[in-house]
Amino acid sequence: RFDGVKFTVFTTSNTPQLINNRIVSLYEDHHGVLWIGSEDGDLINYQDGKFFLVKKSEGAPKDTIIVSMIMDKNDLLWVVTSTELRSYDINKKLFTTYPPETILKRRLAST
C-alpha cells in the first residue's frame, strides 16, 4: 500500500488474514472494497483499513486459482477460478457455484 510517501507491505507474517503471499487477482468494487484472490483460492477483502478473510464454510473456492473478479449492480461478486465460476452474495455471505457445463448450456441456449 502506498500512502503518497511510503509503502506498506502486507504479508502472511504481519497480516493473519492473508493465508498465502501469492496474490493473483485484485479488484476494487463500487463500494471501494478491495477484493484479493490468492493462488490457493483464498478470498480476502480490505475495507476501512482492515482485512477480512472469506471463510471456506461460506463456500469460498478451495485449492484453485482465483483468476478474476467483478461485482454486478446487485452486489454479487463474480469470481472466476481456474475451474469454475462462482457468485458471492456479499450481504448473505454465501457462494453459488456454476460448473463449466452449466455455463456452456446457458450460453448455447441463448444463441
N, C-alpha and C. Protein backbone atom coordinates (compact mmCIF):
# COMPACT_ATOMS: atom_id res chain seq x y z
N ARG A 1 0.86 -1.17 0.00
CA ARG A 1 0.00 0.00 0.00
C ARG A 1 0.90 1.22 0.00
N PHE A 2 0.56 2.21 -0.84
CA PHE A 2 1.33 3.45 -0.93
C PHE A 2 0.44 4.60 -0.49
N ASP A 3 0.88 5.35 0.50
CA ASP A 3 0.08 6.46 1.03
C ASP A 3 0.50 7.81 0.47
N GLY A 4 1.35 7.80 -0.54
CA GLY A 4 1.84 9.04 -1.14
C GLY A 4 3.25 9.38 -0.68
N VAL A 5 3.69 8.74 0.40
CA VAL A 5 5.03 8.98 0.92
C VAL A 5 5.81 7.68 1.05
N LYS A 6 5.17 6.66 1.63
CA LYS A 6 5.86 5.40 1.86
C LYS A 6 4.97 4.21 1.51
N PHE A 7 5.63 3.09 1.29
CA PHE A 7 4.96 1.84 1.01
C PHE A 7 4.82 1.03 2.30
N THR A 8 3.69 0.34 2.43
CA THR A 8 3.49 -0.64 3.49
C THR A 8 3.26 -1.97 2.80
N VAL A 9 4.04 -2.97 3.18
CA VAL A 9 3.91 -4.30 2.58
C VAL A 9 3.13 -5.19 3.54
N PHE A 10 2.08 -5.82 3.02
CA PHE A 10 1.28 -6.75 3.81
C PHE A 10 1.67 -8.17 3.40
N THR A 11 2.00 -9.01 4.36
CA THR A 11 2.38 -10.39 4.11
C THR A 11 1.72 -11.29 5.14
N THR A 12 1.92 -12.59 4.97
CA THR A 12 1.37 -13.54 5.94
C THR A 12 1.99 -13.36 7.32
N SER A 13 3.18 -12.80 7.39
CA SER A 13 3.83 -12.62 8.69
C SER A 13 3.29 -11.43 9.48
N ASN A 14 2.70 -10.43 8.80
CA ASN A 14 2.18 -9.28 9.55
C ASN A 14 0.66 -9.08 9.39
N THR A 15 0.02 -9.96 8.60
CA THR A 15 -1.43 -9.87 8.38
C THR A 15 -2.03 -11.27 8.45
N PRO A 16 -2.58 -11.68 9.59
CA PRO A 16 -3.07 -13.05 9.76
C PRO A 16 -4.13 -13.48 8.74
N GLN A 17 -4.91 -12.53 8.22
CA GLN A 17 -5.96 -12.88 7.27
C GLN A 17 -5.40 -13.28 5.90
N LEU A 18 -4.17 -12.92 5.63
CA LEU A 18 -3.51 -13.35 4.40
C LEU A 18 -2.88 -14.71 4.66
N ILE A 19 -3.52 -15.74 4.16
CA ILE A 19 -3.05 -17.10 4.40
C ILE A 19 -1.93 -17.45 3.42
N ASN A 20 -1.90 -16.72 2.30
CA ASN A 20 -0.96 -17.03 1.23
C ASN A 20 -0.39 -15.71 0.70
N ASN A 21 0.91 -15.65 0.49
CA ASN A 21 1.54 -14.45 -0.06
C ASN A 21 1.41 -14.35 -1.57
N ARG A 22 0.91 -15.38 -2.22
CA ARG A 22 0.83 -15.39 -3.67
C ARG A 22 -0.52 -14.86 -4.12
N ILE A 23 -0.59 -13.55 -4.28
CA ILE A 23 -1.81 -12.87 -4.72
C ILE A 23 -1.83 -12.86 -6.24
N VAL A 24 -2.94 -13.31 -6.82
CA VAL A 24 -3.01 -13.38 -8.28
C VAL A 24 -4.10 -12.49 -8.88
N SER A 25 -4.99 -11.96 -8.04
CA SER A 25 -6.01 -11.06 -8.59
C SER A 25 -6.43 -10.03 -7.54
N LEU A 26 -6.71 -8.83 -8.03
CA LEU A 26 -7.19 -7.73 -7.20
C LEU A 26 -8.36 -7.08 -7.92
N TYR A 27 -9.35 -6.63 -7.14
CA TYR A 27 -10.50 -5.95 -7.73
C TYR A 27 -11.07 -4.99 -6.70
N GLU A 28 -11.30 -3.76 -7.10
CA GLU A 28 -11.96 -2.79 -6.23
C GLU A 28 -13.40 -2.64 -6.69
N ASP A 29 -14.35 -2.93 -5.80
CA ASP A 29 -15.76 -2.85 -6.18
C ASP A 29 -16.29 -1.42 -6.08
N HIS A 30 -17.57 -1.24 -6.43
CA HIS A 30 -18.17 0.10 -6.45
C HIS A 30 -18.41 0.67 -5.04
N HIS A 31 -18.16 -0.13 -4.00
CA HIS A 31 -18.24 0.35 -2.61
C HIS A 31 -16.87 0.79 -2.11
N GLY A 32 -15.84 0.61 -2.93
CA GLY A 32 -14.48 0.95 -2.52
C GLY A 32 -13.78 -0.16 -1.76
N VAL A 33 -14.34 -1.36 -1.77
CA VAL A 33 -13.74 -2.51 -1.09
C VAL A 33 -12.76 -3.17 -2.06
N LEU A 34 -11.56 -3.47 -1.56
CA LEU A 34 -10.56 -4.17 -2.36
C LEU A 34 -10.70 -5.66 -2.10
N TRP A 35 -10.91 -6.43 -3.17
CA TRP A 35 -11.01 -7.88 -3.09
C TRP A 35 -9.70 -8.47 -3.56
N ILE A 36 -9.20 -9.46 -2.82
CA ILE A 36 -7.91 -10.07 -3.07
C ILE A 36 -8.11 -11.56 -3.27
N GLY A 37 -7.61 -12.09 -4.39
CA GLY A 37 -7.70 -13.52 -4.67
C GLY A 37 -6.32 -14.15 -4.67
N SER A 38 -6.19 -15.30 -4.04
CA SER A 38 -4.88 -15.94 -3.95
C SER A 38 -4.79 -17.14 -4.89
N GLU A 39 -3.58 -17.63 -4.96
CA GLU A 39 -3.27 -18.80 -5.78
C GLU A 39 -3.99 -20.05 -5.26
N ASP A 40 -4.31 -20.09 -3.96
CA ASP A 40 -4.96 -21.25 -3.36
C ASP A 40 -6.46 -21.10 -3.19
N GLY A 41 -7.04 -20.04 -3.78
CA GLY A 41 -8.48 -19.86 -3.69
C GLY A 41 -8.94 -19.06 -2.48
N ASP A 42 -8.00 -18.48 -1.75
CA ASP A 42 -8.39 -17.65 -0.62
C ASP A 42 -8.94 -16.33 -1.15
N LEU A 43 -10.04 -15.88 -0.56
CA LEU A 43 -10.66 -14.62 -0.93
C LEU A 43 -10.67 -13.73 0.30
N ILE A 44 -10.05 -12.57 0.16
CA ILE A 44 -9.92 -11.63 1.27
C ILE A 44 -10.43 -10.28 0.80
N ASN A 45 -11.07 -9.54 1.69
CA ASN A 45 -11.40 -8.17 1.31
C ASN A 45 -10.75 -7.20 2.29
N TYR A 46 -10.47 -6.02 1.78
CA TYR A 46 -9.81 -4.99 2.57
C TYR A 46 -10.71 -3.76 2.54
N GLN A 47 -11.21 -3.39 3.72
CA GLN A 47 -12.07 -2.21 3.81
C GLN A 47 -11.87 -1.53 5.15
N ASP A 48 -11.95 -0.23 5.14
CA ASP A 48 -11.79 0.57 6.34
C ASP A 48 -10.50 0.24 7.10
N GLY A 49 -9.43 -0.05 6.34
CA GLY A 49 -8.14 -0.32 6.95
C GLY A 49 -7.98 -1.69 7.57
N LYS A 50 -8.93 -2.62 7.31
CA LYS A 50 -8.87 -3.96 7.90
C LYS A 50 -9.05 -5.03 6.82
N PHE A 51 -8.40 -6.17 7.03
CA PHE A 51 -8.52 -7.32 6.16
C PHE A 51 -9.54 -8.29 6.73
N PHE A 52 -10.34 -8.89 5.86
CA PHE A 52 -11.33 -9.90 6.27
C PHE A 52 -11.22 -11.09 5.34
N LEU A 53 -11.02 -12.27 5.90
CA LEU A 53 -10.94 -13.49 5.12
C LEU A 53 -12.34 -14.07 4.94
N VAL A 54 -12.72 -14.35 3.69
CA VAL A 54 -13.99 -15.02 3.43
C VAL A 54 -13.79 -16.49 3.80
N LYS A 55 -14.64 -16.99 4.65
CA LYS A 55 -14.47 -18.33 5.19
C LYS A 55 -14.81 -19.41 4.18
N LYS A 56 -14.08 -20.51 4.27
CA LYS A 56 -14.35 -21.67 3.41
C LYS A 56 -15.75 -22.22 3.69
N SER A 57 -16.24 -22.04 4.93
CA SER A 57 -17.58 -22.53 5.29
C SER A 57 -18.68 -21.77 4.54
N GLU A 58 -18.35 -20.58 4.00
CA GLU A 58 -19.31 -19.82 3.20
C GLU A 58 -19.29 -20.27 1.74
N GLY A 59 -18.43 -21.24 1.44
CA GLY A 59 -18.35 -21.76 0.09
C GLY A 59 -17.23 -21.17 -0.74
N ALA A 60 -16.27 -20.55 -0.10
CA ALA A 60 -15.15 -19.96 -0.83
C ALA A 60 -14.40 -21.05 -1.59
N PRO A 61 -13.85 -20.69 -2.73
CA PRO A 61 -13.09 -21.68 -3.52
C PRO A 61 -11.95 -22.30 -2.72
N LYS A 62 -11.64 -23.56 -3.02
CA LYS A 62 -10.53 -24.24 -2.35
C LYS A 62 -9.56 -24.75 -3.40
N ASP A 63 -8.30 -24.60 -3.11
CA ASP A 63 -7.24 -25.18 -3.94
C ASP A 63 -7.40 -24.90 -5.42
N THR A 64 -7.78 -23.70 -5.76
CA THR A 64 -7.91 -23.30 -7.16
C THR A 64 -7.52 -21.83 -7.26
N ILE A 65 -7.00 -21.44 -8.36
CA ILE A 65 -6.54 -20.07 -8.54
C ILE A 65 -7.73 -19.15 -8.81
N ILE A 66 -7.82 -18.04 -8.07
CA ILE A 66 -8.84 -17.02 -8.36
C ILE A 66 -8.26 -16.14 -9.46
N VAL A 67 -8.81 -16.28 -10.65
CA VAL A 67 -8.27 -15.63 -11.84
C VAL A 67 -8.75 -14.18 -11.96
N SER A 68 -10.03 -13.96 -11.69
CA SER A 68 -10.61 -12.64 -11.92
C SER A 68 -11.86 -12.47 -11.06
N MET A 69 -12.24 -11.19 -10.85
CA MET A 69 -13.44 -10.88 -10.08
C MET A 69 -14.09 -9.62 -10.65
N ILE A 70 -15.41 -9.54 -10.51
CA ILE A 70 -16.15 -8.34 -10.86
C ILE A 70 -17.46 -8.34 -10.08
N MET A 71 -17.94 -7.18 -9.70
CA MET A 71 -19.19 -7.10 -8.94
C MET A 71 -20.28 -6.49 -9.82
N ASP A 72 -21.47 -7.08 -9.74
CA ASP A 72 -22.59 -6.53 -10.52
C ASP A 72 -23.39 -5.54 -9.67
N LYS A 73 -24.42 -4.96 -10.27
CA LYS A 73 -25.21 -3.92 -9.58
C LYS A 73 -26.04 -4.47 -8.43
N ASN A 74 -26.18 -5.81 -8.35
CA ASN A 74 -26.94 -6.45 -7.27
C ASN A 74 -26.04 -6.88 -6.12
N ASP A 75 -24.82 -6.39 -6.09
CA ASP A 75 -23.84 -6.73 -5.07
C ASP A 75 -23.47 -8.21 -5.05
N LEU A 76 -23.46 -8.83 -6.21
CA LEU A 76 -22.91 -10.18 -6.35
C LEU A 76 -21.50 -10.03 -6.88
N LEU A 77 -20.55 -10.60 -6.17
CA LEU A 77 -19.17 -10.62 -6.62
C LEU A 77 -19.00 -11.89 -7.43
N TRP A 78 -18.70 -11.75 -8.71
CA TRP A 78 -18.49 -12.89 -9.59
C TRP A 78 -17.01 -13.24 -9.55
N VAL A 79 -16.73 -14.48 -9.19
CA VAL A 79 -15.36 -14.95 -9.00
C VAL A 79 -15.08 -16.04 -10.04
N VAL A 80 -14.11 -15.78 -10.88
CA VAL A 80 -13.69 -16.76 -11.89
C VAL A 80 -12.46 -17.47 -11.35
N THR A 81 -12.54 -18.79 -11.25
CA THR A 81 -11.37 -19.57 -10.81
C THR A 81 -10.83 -20.34 -12.01
N SER A 82 -9.79 -21.10 -11.77
CA SER A 82 -9.21 -21.90 -12.84
C SER A 82 -10.11 -23.06 -13.24
N THR A 83 -11.17 -23.34 -12.46
CA THR A 83 -12.04 -24.48 -12.77
C THR A 83 -13.52 -24.17 -12.83
N GLU A 84 -13.95 -22.98 -12.35
CA GLU A 84 -15.38 -22.72 -12.29
C GLU A 84 -15.68 -21.24 -12.14
N LEU A 85 -16.97 -20.94 -12.17
CA LEU A 85 -17.46 -19.60 -11.92
C LEU A 85 -18.31 -19.64 -10.66
N ARG A 86 -18.12 -18.67 -9.79
CA ARG A 86 -18.91 -18.58 -8.57
C ARG A 86 -19.41 -17.16 -8.40
N SER A 87 -20.57 -17.04 -7.76
CA SER A 87 -21.03 -15.72 -7.37
C SER A 87 -21.05 -15.70 -5.84
N TYR A 88 -20.68 -14.54 -5.29
CA TYR A 88 -20.65 -14.38 -3.84
C TYR A 88 -21.56 -13.23 -3.47
N ASP A 89 -22.64 -13.56 -2.75
CA ASP A 89 -23.57 -12.54 -2.27
C ASP A 89 -22.96 -11.92 -1.03
N ILE A 90 -22.50 -10.65 -1.15
CA ILE A 90 -21.79 -10.03 -0.04
C ILE A 90 -22.70 -9.74 1.15
N ASN A 91 -24.00 -9.66 0.92
CA ASN A 91 -24.93 -9.40 2.02
C ASN A 91 -25.27 -10.68 2.79
N LYS A 92 -25.49 -11.78 2.05
CA LYS A 92 -25.82 -13.06 2.68
C LYS A 92 -24.59 -13.87 3.05
N LYS A 93 -23.43 -13.43 2.53
CA LYS A 93 -22.16 -14.14 2.75
C LYS A 93 -22.29 -15.59 2.31
N LEU A 94 -22.68 -15.75 1.05
CA LEU A 94 -22.93 -17.08 0.52
C LEU A 94 -22.49 -17.18 -0.93
N PHE A 95 -21.80 -18.26 -1.26
CA PHE A 95 -21.37 -18.53 -2.63
C PHE A 95 -22.37 -19.44 -3.35
N THR A 96 -22.48 -19.25 -4.64
CA THR A 96 -23.18 -20.17 -5.53
C THR A 96 -22.19 -20.56 -6.60
N THR A 97 -22.11 -21.86 -6.89
CA THR A 97 -21.16 -22.37 -7.87
C THR A 97 -21.87 -22.70 -9.17
N TYR A 98 -21.22 -22.34 -10.27
CA TYR A 98 -21.72 -22.63 -11.61
C TYR A 98 -20.68 -23.45 -12.33
N PRO A 99 -20.88 -24.78 -12.42
CA PRO A 99 -19.91 -25.63 -13.11
C PRO A 99 -19.82 -25.24 -14.59
N PRO A 100 -18.69 -25.50 -15.22
CA PRO A 100 -18.50 -25.10 -16.62
C PRO A 100 -19.59 -25.61 -17.57
N GLU A 101 -20.07 -26.83 -17.36
CA GLU A 101 -21.09 -27.36 -18.27
C GLU A 101 -22.41 -26.59 -18.15
N THR A 102 -22.73 -26.10 -16.97
CA THR A 102 -23.94 -25.30 -16.78
C THR A 102 -23.83 -23.97 -17.53
N ILE A 103 -22.67 -23.36 -17.44
CA ILE A 103 -22.45 -22.08 -18.12
C ILE A 103 -22.54 -22.28 -19.63
N LEU A 104 -21.93 -23.34 -20.13
CA LEU A 104 -21.96 -23.62 -21.56
C LEU A 104 -23.38 -23.88 -22.03
N LYS A 105 -24.17 -24.64 -21.29
CA LYS A 105 -25.54 -24.93 -21.67
C LYS A 105 -26.37 -23.64 -21.73
N ARG A 106 -26.22 -22.77 -20.75
CA ARG A 106 -26.95 -21.50 -20.76
C ARG A 106 -26.53 -20.64 -21.94
N ARG A 107 -25.25 -20.64 -22.22
CA ARG A 107 -24.74 -19.83 -23.34
C ARG A 107 -25.29 -20.34 -24.66
N LEU A 108 -25.29 -21.67 -24.84
CA LEU A 108 -25.80 -22.24 -26.08
C LEU A 108 -27.30 -22.04 -26.22
N ALA A 109 -28.04 -22.08 -25.11
CA ALA A 109 -29.48 -21.90 -25.14
C ALA A 109 -29.85 -20.48 -25.53
N SER A 110 -28.99 -19.53 -25.23
CA SER A 110 -29.30 -18.12 -25.53
C SER A 110 -28.92 -17.72 -26.96
N THR A 111 -28.28 -18.60 -27.70
CA THR A 111 -27.88 -18.25 -29.08
C THR A 111 -28.87 -18.74 -30.10
